[in-house]
Amino acid sequence: MIFFYQIRTLTHQVTPCPDLTCPLCGSRGGVEIGIYQKYAWMLMPMWPEHKFGMAACTRCDHSIPNLKWTDELEQRYYQLKEETRTPLSLWRGILINPLLLLTFAGLIGGLVFLLAGKNKHQQAEDKILLAKYIAAPKPGDLYRTMVYITGPNPGFNYTYFRYAGISGDTLFVEKLKKEVSTYGDWDKLDTTRPDAFDSKKIPLKYTVFEKNQDFMVFGDDTMRFFFKGIDRGEESISKN
């Protein structure tokens, strides 16, 4: 796992040193030494890193490069650095961020669990409703159908069967003339036109359809259709 964090700088103090001489302009009374510290940041300070110092002169208004520091200036810097303590607050992210991460992971896990439970409940309801609609077909019912295509490049197309009647153990359906090649694209098929369906009625074994929720065509083993759901009015139910 990769974590991204920033490196920030904390200003501990900027201390005037009026007794020191500026190595740039040679005047006294203007030298200041600042003590700073780097620390890692991710939502909050995570851990401290090294301290460092910078010097400047208010008389000549210039920063004093480290290479120009006098022995006196350098000794004063190390003295101020030694006296400066790293605050414990720079460590707080080490304790708090893992707790936040665990809390976030718990919330995500809980949400996934709730959604999975809701989806499972919805699938159970759809299964019951699908069985009910199959047991009591109505004019206008549309059966989502997967059609197996033979040939050099065998595969599947998708279309609709429309309920056309039932007699004994025979369920008659009419096949939509148009098909799509992408699963789930049934809504792209126009079933409302008067001539949208083939007038030839296909006989299916109703007991097989009711028991197994799948199609078996009477007397034609070359026609392979698979049931994938029902559209009834504005309601669409997919086979799980």
Protein backbone atom coordinates (compact mmCIF):
# COMPACT_ATOMS: atom_id res chain seq x y z
CA MET A 1 0.00 0.00 0.00
CA ILE A 2 1.33 3.45 -0.96
CA PHE A 3 0.84 6.44 1.31
CA PHE A 4 1.31 10.01 0.08
CA TYR A 5 2.42 12.68 2.49
CA GLN A 6 3.94 16.15 2.46
CA ILE A 7 7.09 17.48 4.07
CA ARG A 8 6.32 20.75 5.83
CA THR A 9 8.38 23.17 7.88
CA LEU A 10 7.67 24.31 11.45
CA THR A 11 9.12 27.62 12.66
CA HIS A 12 10.20 27.09 16.26
CA GLN A 13 11.59 30.56 16.92
CA VAL A 14 13.37 33.54 15.37
CA THR A 15 15.76 34.96 17.95
CA PRO A 16 17.41 38.41 17.74
CA CYS A 17 21.16 38.30 18.49
CA PRO A 18 22.16 41.98 18.95
CA ASP A 19 25.67 41.05 20.18
CA LEU A 20 26.58 39.31 16.89
CA THR A 21 28.19 41.01 13.91
CA CYS A 22 26.72 40.52 10.45
CA PRO A 23 29.42 38.96 8.20
CA LEU A 24 27.86 40.69 5.19
CA CYS A 25 27.56 44.34 6.26
CA GLY A 26 29.76 44.30 9.38
CA SER A 27 27.13 45.94 11.61
CA ARG A 28 25.79 44.79 14.97
CA GLY A 29 22.24 44.70 16.30
CA GLY A 30 20.51 43.25 13.26
CA VAL A 31 21.43 39.53 13.24
CA GLU A 32 18.54 37.10 13.80
CA ILE A 33 18.72 33.29 13.92
CA GLY A 34 15.67 31.18 13.10
CA ILE A 35 15.29 27.55 14.21
CA TYR A 36 13.11 25.43 11.94
CA GLN A 37 12.14 21.77 11.71
CA LYS A 38 10.91 19.56 8.91
CA TYR A 39 8.02 17.17 9.58
CA ALA A 40 5.81 14.80 7.63
CA TRP A 41 2.17 15.76 7.11
CA MET A 42 -0.80 13.58 6.14
CA LEU A 43 -4.09 15.04 7.41
CA MET A 44 -2.04 16.16 10.41
CA PRO A 45 1.61 16.09 11.57
CA MET A 46 2.87 12.51 11.33
CA TRP A 47 6.46 12.53 12.59
CA PRO A 48 9.28 15.10 13.02
CA GLU A 49 12.44 15.19 10.98
CA HIS A 50 15.66 17.23 11.27
CA LYS A 51 16.04 20.74 12.67
CA PHE A 52 17.94 23.40 10.77
CA GLY A 53 18.69 27.09 11.09
CA MET A 54 18.71 30.23 8.96
CA ALA A 55 20.31 33.60 9.73
CA ALA A 56 19.49 37.06 8.42
CA CYS A 57 20.40 40.67 9.11
CA THR A 58 17.72 43.34 9.48
CA ARG A 59 20.30 46.08 8.96
CA CYS A 60 21.34 45.08 5.46
CA ASP A 61 18.11 43.12 4.84
CA HIS A 62 19.92 40.02 3.54
CA SER A 63 19.90 36.34 4.42
CA ILE A 64 23.28 35.16 5.62
CA PRO A 65 24.47 32.04 3.72
CA ASN A 66 25.80 29.21 5.90
CA LEU A 67 29.22 29.51 4.23
CA LYS A 68 29.47 33.08 5.54
CA TRP A 69 28.61 32.25 9.15
CA THR A 70 31.20 33.31 11.71
CA ASP A 71 32.26 31.01 14.55
CA GLU A 72 30.21 33.11 16.98
CA LEU A 73 27.11 32.87 14.82
CA GLU A 74 27.51 29.14 14.38
CA GLN A 75 28.01 28.55 18.13
CA ARG A 76 24.90 30.60 18.90
CA TYR A 77 22.91 28.56 16.35
CA TYR A 78 23.92 25.24 17.94
CA GLN A 79 23.06 26.64 21.36
CA LEU A 80 19.57 27.71 20.23
CA LYS A 81 19.05 24.42 18.40
CA GLU A 82 19.98 22.43 21.53
CA GLU A 83 17.55 24.46 23.64
CA THR A 84 14.68 23.94 21.16
CA ARG A 85 12.57 20.87 21.95
CA THR A 86 10.51 18.99 19.40
CA PRO A 87 6.82 19.22 20.43
CA LEU A 88 4.99 15.93 20.96
CA SER A 89 2.22 17.22 18.70
CA LEU A 90 4.42 16.44 15.68
CA TRP A 91 3.99 12.73 16.49
CA ARG A 92 0.18 12.70 16.84
CA GLY A 93 -0.52 11.43 13.32
CA ILE A 94 1.34 8.19 14.08
CA LEU A 95 -1.40 7.35 16.59
CA ILE A 96 -4.45 9.04 15.14
CA ASN A 97 -4.13 8.32 11.41
CA PRO A 98 -4.17 4.50 11.81
CA LEU A 99 -7.33 4.87 13.91
CA LEU A 100 -8.89 7.07 11.23
CA LEU A 101 -7.87 4.56 8.56
CA LEU A 102 -9.41 1.68 10.53
CA THR A 103 -12.59 3.68 11.08
CA PHE A 104 -12.82 4.52 7.38
CA ALA A 105 -12.19 0.89 6.41
CA GLY A 106 -14.88 -0.20 8.88
CA LEU A 107 -17.39 2.25 7.40
CA ILE A 108 -16.63 1.09 3.85
CA GLY A 109 -16.87 -2.56 4.93
CA GLY A 110 -20.19 -1.91 6.66
CA LEU A 111 -21.56 -0.11 3.62
CA VAL A 112 -20.49 -2.94 1.31
CA PHE A 113 -22.09 -5.46 3.67
CA LEU A 114 -25.37 -3.51 3.75
CA LEU A 115 -25.43 -3.10 -0.03
CA ALA A 116 -24.64 -6.79 -0.53
CA GLY A 117 -27.45 -7.73 1.85
CA LYS A 118 -29.86 -5.39 0.10
CA ASN A 119 -28.86 -6.78 -3.30
CA LYS A 120 -29.28 -10.35 -2.08
CA HIS A 121 -32.72 -9.48 -0.70
CA GLN A 122 -33.68 -7.86 -4.01
CA GLN A 123 -32.52 -10.93 -5.93
CA ALA A 124 -34.66 -13.16 -3.71
CA GLU A 125 -37.71 -10.93 -4.31
CA ASP A 126 -37.05 -10.91 -8.08
CA LYS A 127 -36.81 -14.70 -8.11
CA ILE A 128 -40.20 -15.02 -6.43
CA LEU A 129 -41.81 -12.45 -8.73
CA LEU A 130 -40.26 -14.06 -11.81
CA ALA A 131 -41.72 -17.44 -10.86
CA LYS A 132 -45.11 -15.77 -10.31
CA TYR A 133 -45.06 -14.12 -13.75
CA ILE A 134 -44.02 -17.35 -15.45
CA ALA A 135 -46.80 -19.25 -13.69
CA ALA A 136 -49.40 -16.68 -14.80
CA PRO A 137 -48.37 -15.27 -18.21
CA LYS A 138 -50.24 -12.28 -19.60
CA PRO A 139 -50.64 -10.85 -23.11
CA GLY A 140 -47.87 -8.34 -23.70
CA ASP A 141 -45.27 -10.20 -21.61
CA LEU A 142 -41.83 -9.93 -23.18
CA TYR A 143 -39.27 -12.64 -22.49
CA ARG A 144 -35.66 -11.53 -22.70
CA THR A 145 -33.94 -14.10 -24.88
CA MET A 146 -30.35 -15.08 -25.59
CA VAL A 147 -29.98 -16.70 -29.03
CA TYR A 148 -27.08 -19.02 -29.81
CA ILE A 149 -25.64 -18.34 -33.28
CA THR A 150 -23.84 -21.17 -35.09
CA GLY A 151 -21.42 -20.82 -37.98
CA PRO A 152 -17.74 -19.93 -38.42
CA ASN A 153 -17.92 -17.48 -35.51
CA PRO A 154 -20.41 -18.90 -33.03
CA GLY A 155 -21.72 -16.66 -30.29
CA PHE A 156 -24.84 -15.07 -28.84
CA ASN A 157 -27.30 -12.42 -29.91
CA TYR A 158 -30.07 -10.95 -27.75
CA THR A 159 -33.71 -10.34 -28.58
CA TYR A 160 -37.27 -10.74 -27.23
CA PHE A 161 -39.96 -13.39 -27.31
CA ARG A 162 -43.52 -12.08 -26.96
CA TYR A 163 -46.15 -14.20 -25.24
CA ALA A 164 -48.69 -15.35 -27.82
CA GLY A 165 -50.76 -17.90 -25.91
CA ILE A 166 -50.68 -21.21 -24.08
CA SER A 167 -52.32 -24.56 -24.78
CA GLY A 168 -51.75 -27.49 -22.45
CA ASP A 169 -48.00 -27.89 -22.09
CA THR A 170 -47.23 -25.65 -25.05
CA LEU A 171 -46.32 -22.00 -24.62
CA PHE A 172 -46.45 -20.08 -27.89
CA VAL A 173 -44.18 -17.09 -28.42
CA GLU A 174 -43.34 -14.75 -31.28
CA LYS A 175 -39.73 -13.76 -31.88
CA LEU A 176 -38.68 -10.13 -32.36
CA LYS A 177 -37.22 -9.69 -35.82
CA LYS A 178 -34.28 -7.58 -34.66
CA GLU A 179 -31.43 -8.63 -32.38
CA VAL A 180 -28.50 -6.95 -30.63
CA SER A 181 -25.05 -8.40 -30.06
CA THR A 182 -24.33 -6.88 -26.64
CA TYR A 183 -25.70 -8.35 -23.42
CA GLY A 184 -28.01 -5.97 -21.59
CA ASP A 185 -28.97 -3.95 -24.67
CA TRP A 186 -32.58 -5.17 -24.77
CA ASP A 187 -33.77 -1.61 -24.12
CA LYS A 188 -32.34 -0.63 -27.52
CA LEU A 189 -34.82 -2.92 -29.28
CA ASP A 190 -38.13 -1.44 -30.45
CA THR A 191 -40.96 -3.81 -29.51
CA THR A 192 -43.83 -1.37 -30.08
CA ARG A 193 -44.07 -1.43 -33.87
CA PRO A 194 -46.96 -3.50 -35.29
CA ASP A 195 -44.61 -5.52 -37.50
CA ALA A 196 -41.76 -5.80 -34.93
CA PHE A 197 -42.38 -9.52 -34.26
CA ASP A 198 -42.32 -12.49 -36.58
CA SER A 199 -45.83 -13.87 -37.10
CA LYS A 200 -44.53 -17.44 -36.90
CA LYS A 201 -45.29 -18.87 -33.45
CA ILE A 202 -42.55 -20.84 -31.72
CA PRO A 203 -43.81 -23.68 -29.47
CA LEU A 204 -42.01 -24.03 -26.11
CA LYS A 205 -42.44 -26.66 -23.41
CA TYR A 206 -44.26 -24.80 -20.68
CA THR A 207 -43.50 -27.25 -17.82
CA VAL A 208 -39.77 -26.93 -18.55
CA PHE A 209 -40.06 -23.15 -18.65
CA GLU A 210 -41.98 -23.05 -15.36
CA LYS A 211 -39.69 -25.50 -13.55
CA ASN A 212 -36.25 -24.58 -14.89
CA GLN A 213 -36.92 -21.02 -16.07
CA ASP A 214 -35.44 -21.82 -19.44
CA PHE A 215 -36.65 -22.54 -22.96
CA MET A 216 -37.03 -25.89 -24.70
CA VAL A 217 -38.38 -25.77 -28.26
CA PHE A 218 -40.73 -28.53 -29.43
CA GLY A 219 -39.36 -30.63 -32.28
CA ASP A 220 -36.36 -28.47 -33.30
CA ASP A 221 -33.04 -29.22 -31.64
CA THR A 222 -31.21 -26.73 -33.87
CA MET A 223 -32.92 -23.72 -32.27
CA ARG A 224 -31.17 -22.84 -29.02
CA PHE A 225 -32.71 -20.06 -26.95
CA PHE A 226 -32.04 -19.14 -23.32
CA PHE A 227 -34.38 -17.25 -21.02
CA LYS A 228 -32.85 -14.18 -19.28
CA GLY A 229 -35.82 -12.27 -17.81
CA ILE A 230 -39.27 -10.75 -18.23
CA ASP A 231 -40.52 -7.28 -19.14
CA ARG A 232 -44.11 -6.68 -18.08
CA GLY A 233 -45.31 -3.15 -18.64
CA GLU A 234 -42.84 -0.77 -17.00
CA GLU A 235 -41.33 -3.56 -14.89
CA SER A 236 -38.20 -5.47 -15.86
CA ILE A 237 -37.05 -8.54 -13.94
CA SER A 238 -33.76 -10.25 -14.74
CA LYS A 239 -33.09 -13.92 -14.17
CA ASN A 240 -30.46 -14.27 -11.43
